[in-house]
Protein backbone atom coordinates (compact mmCIF):
# COMPACT_ATOMS: atom_id res chain seq x y z
CA UNK A 1 4.84 8.36 -19.78
CA UNK A 2 5.22 5.43 -22.14
CA UNK A 3 6.51 3.16 -19.33
CA UNK A 4 3.47 3.94 -17.18
CA UNK A 5 1.12 3.12 -20.05
CA UNK A 6 2.91 -0.21 -20.62
CA UNK A 7 2.22 -1.30 -17.02
CA UNK A 8 -1.50 -0.45 -17.15
CA UNK A 9 -2.71 -3.86 -18.45
CA UNK A 10 -0.82 -5.58 -15.65
CA UNK A 11 -2.56 -3.39 -13.07
CA UNK A 12 -5.95 -4.14 -14.62
CA UNK A 13 -5.31 -7.89 -14.52
CA UNK A 14 -4.13 -7.67 -10.91
CA UNK A 15 -7.19 -5.62 -9.92
CA UNK A 16 -9.50 -8.24 -11.45
CA UNK A 17 -7.64 -11.05 -9.67
CA UNK A 18 -7.75 -9.22 -6.33
CA UNK A 19 -11.47 -8.63 -6.74
CA UNK A 20 -12.04 -12.32 -7.50
CA UNK A 21 -10.01 -13.38 -4.47
CA UNK A 22 -11.59 -10.88 -2.06
CA UNK A 23 -15.19 -11.46 -3.18
CA UNK A 24 -15.77 -14.53 -0.95
CA UNK A 25 -14.25 -12.71 2.02
CA UNK A 26 -16.58 -9.77 1.48
CA UNK A 27 -19.56 -12.14 1.25
CA UNK A 28 -18.48 -13.91 4.44
CA UNK A 29 -18.56 -10.56 6.24
CA UNK A 30 -21.81 -9.25 4.72
CA UNK A 31 -24.13 -12.27 4.64
CA UNK A 32 -24.17 -13.20 8.36
CA UNK A 33 -25.52 -9.76 9.27
CA UNK A 34 -28.54 -10.08 6.97
CA UNK A 35 -31.89 -10.99 8.49
CA UNK A 36 -33.19 -14.51 7.87
CA UNK A 37 -35.83 -13.41 5.33
CA UNK A 38 -33.39 -11.16 3.48
CA UNK A 39 -30.83 -13.96 3.38
CA UNK A 40 -33.50 -16.34 2.05
CA UNK A 41 -34.43 -13.88 -0.69
CA UNK A 42 -30.78 -13.29 -1.57
CA UNK A 43 -29.78 -16.93 -1.89
CA UNK A 44 -33.04 -18.44 -3.23
CA UNK A 45 -31.99 -18.19 -6.92
CA UNK A 46 -28.88 -20.21 -6.10
CA UNK A 47 -30.77 -22.88 -4.16
CA UNK A 48 -33.88 -23.25 -6.33
CA UNK A 49 -32.07 -23.12 -9.70
CA UNK A 50 -34.69 -20.79 -11.18
CA UNK A 51 -32.27 -19.33 -13.71
CA UNK A 52 -32.38 -15.91 -12.07
CA UNK A 53 -29.31 -14.13 -10.75
CA UNK A 54 -28.72 -13.67 -7.04
CA UNK A 55 -28.82 -10.01 -6.03
CA UNK A 56 -26.45 -9.34 -3.14
CA UNK A 57 -26.58 -5.98 -1.40
CA UNK A 58 -23.29 -4.62 -0.12
CA UNK A 59 -25.02 -3.37 3.02
CA UNK A 60 -27.84 -5.38 4.64
CA UNK A 61 -31.22 -3.66 4.55
CA UNK A 62 -32.07 -4.83 8.07
CA UNK A 63 -28.83 -5.72 9.89
CA UNK A 64 -29.30 -8.21 12.69
CA UNK A 65 -27.23 -10.54 14.83
CA UNK A 66 -29.93 -13.23 14.84
CA UNK A 67 -27.76 -15.64 12.85
CA UNK A 68 -24.96 -15.36 15.41
CA UNK A 69 -27.45 -15.89 18.24
CA UNK A 70 -28.77 -19.00 16.54
CA UNK A 71 -25.25 -20.33 16.05
CA UNK A 72 -23.98 -19.65 19.56
CA UNK A 73 -27.11 -20.38 21.62
CA UNK A 74 -29.17 -22.94 19.74
CA UNK A 75 -26.55 -25.21 18.16
CA UNK A 76 -24.51 -27.32 20.58
CA UNK A 77 -22.62 -28.84 17.63
CA UNK A 78 -20.79 -25.55 17.24
CA UNK A 79 -19.11 -25.90 20.62
CA UNK A 80 -18.05 -29.47 19.90
CA UNK A 81 -16.50 -28.46 16.58
CA UNK A 82 -14.88 -25.39 18.15
CA UNK A 83 -13.24 -27.30 21.00
CA UNK A 84 -12.18 -30.14 18.68
CA UNK A 85 -10.50 -27.60 16.39
CA UNK A 86 -8.80 -25.95 19.33
CA UNK A 87 -7.59 -29.34 20.58
CA UNK A 88 -6.20 -30.25 17.17
CA UNK A 89 -4.37 -26.96 16.75
CA UNK A 90 -2.98 -27.12 20.28
CA UNK A 91 -1.85 -30.71 19.81
CA UNK A 92 -0.23 -30.00 16.49
CA UNK A 93 1.56 -26.96 17.89
CA UNK A 94 2.74 -28.78 21.02
CA UNK A 95 4.23 -31.52 18.83
CA UNK A 96 5.63 -29.40 16.01
CA UNK A 97 7.30 -26.69 18.09
CA UNK A 98 9.76 -29.00 19.94
CA UNK A 99 10.40 -30.93 16.72
CA UNK A 100 11.19 -27.70 14.93
CA UNK A 101 13.62 -26.65 17.65
CA UNK A 102 15.39 -30.02 17.57
CA UNK A 103 15.71 -29.85 13.79
CA UNK A 104 16.93 -26.27 13.93
CA UNK A 105 19.64 -27.09 16.44
CA UNK A 106 20.57 -30.33 14.70
CA UNK A 107 19.83 -32.58 17.66
CA UNK A 108 18.01 -35.29 15.74
CA UNK A 109 20.63 -37.71 14.46
CA UNK A 110 18.48 -39.67 11.99
CA UNK A 111 17.71 -36.70 9.77
CA UNK A 112 20.15 -35.10 7.44
CA UNK A 113 21.15 -31.46 7.66
CA UNK A 114 18.99 -30.44 4.70
CA UNK A 115 15.80 -31.25 6.57
CA UNK A 116 16.93 -29.18 9.54
CA UNK A 117 17.78 -26.27 7.28
CA UNK A 118 14.44 -26.51 5.53
CA UNK A 119 12.48 -26.47 8.78
CA UNK A 120 14.50 -23.64 10.25
CA UNK A 121 13.83 -21.46 7.22
CA UNK A 122 10.15 -22.35 6.89
CA UNK A 123 9.15 -21.62 10.47
């Protein structure tokens, strides 16, 4: 019983840290489903610096997909950023994958064996 009580402060600290880390993820899931007026009311204390606290509901009062519609239909910049990101990830993968295989098999002569070992363990 005494060992369990000794570990309790550690669990409390870890619970607080997990809550602090997961809070932005929870907000990223909740806020896009709020209606435009509700989102404006929620975030106005943060934007206007009125000194009031922002009140964030865990469930939207009027859930809507209007924000997603505005992003996907009315903003052509989104598609440019999306395809640029996809191009960058594809290019990086198409370059790094063969390099990783060469390092893993030791086919690159200019690099020492430590670099090959590091890349083979990290990928």
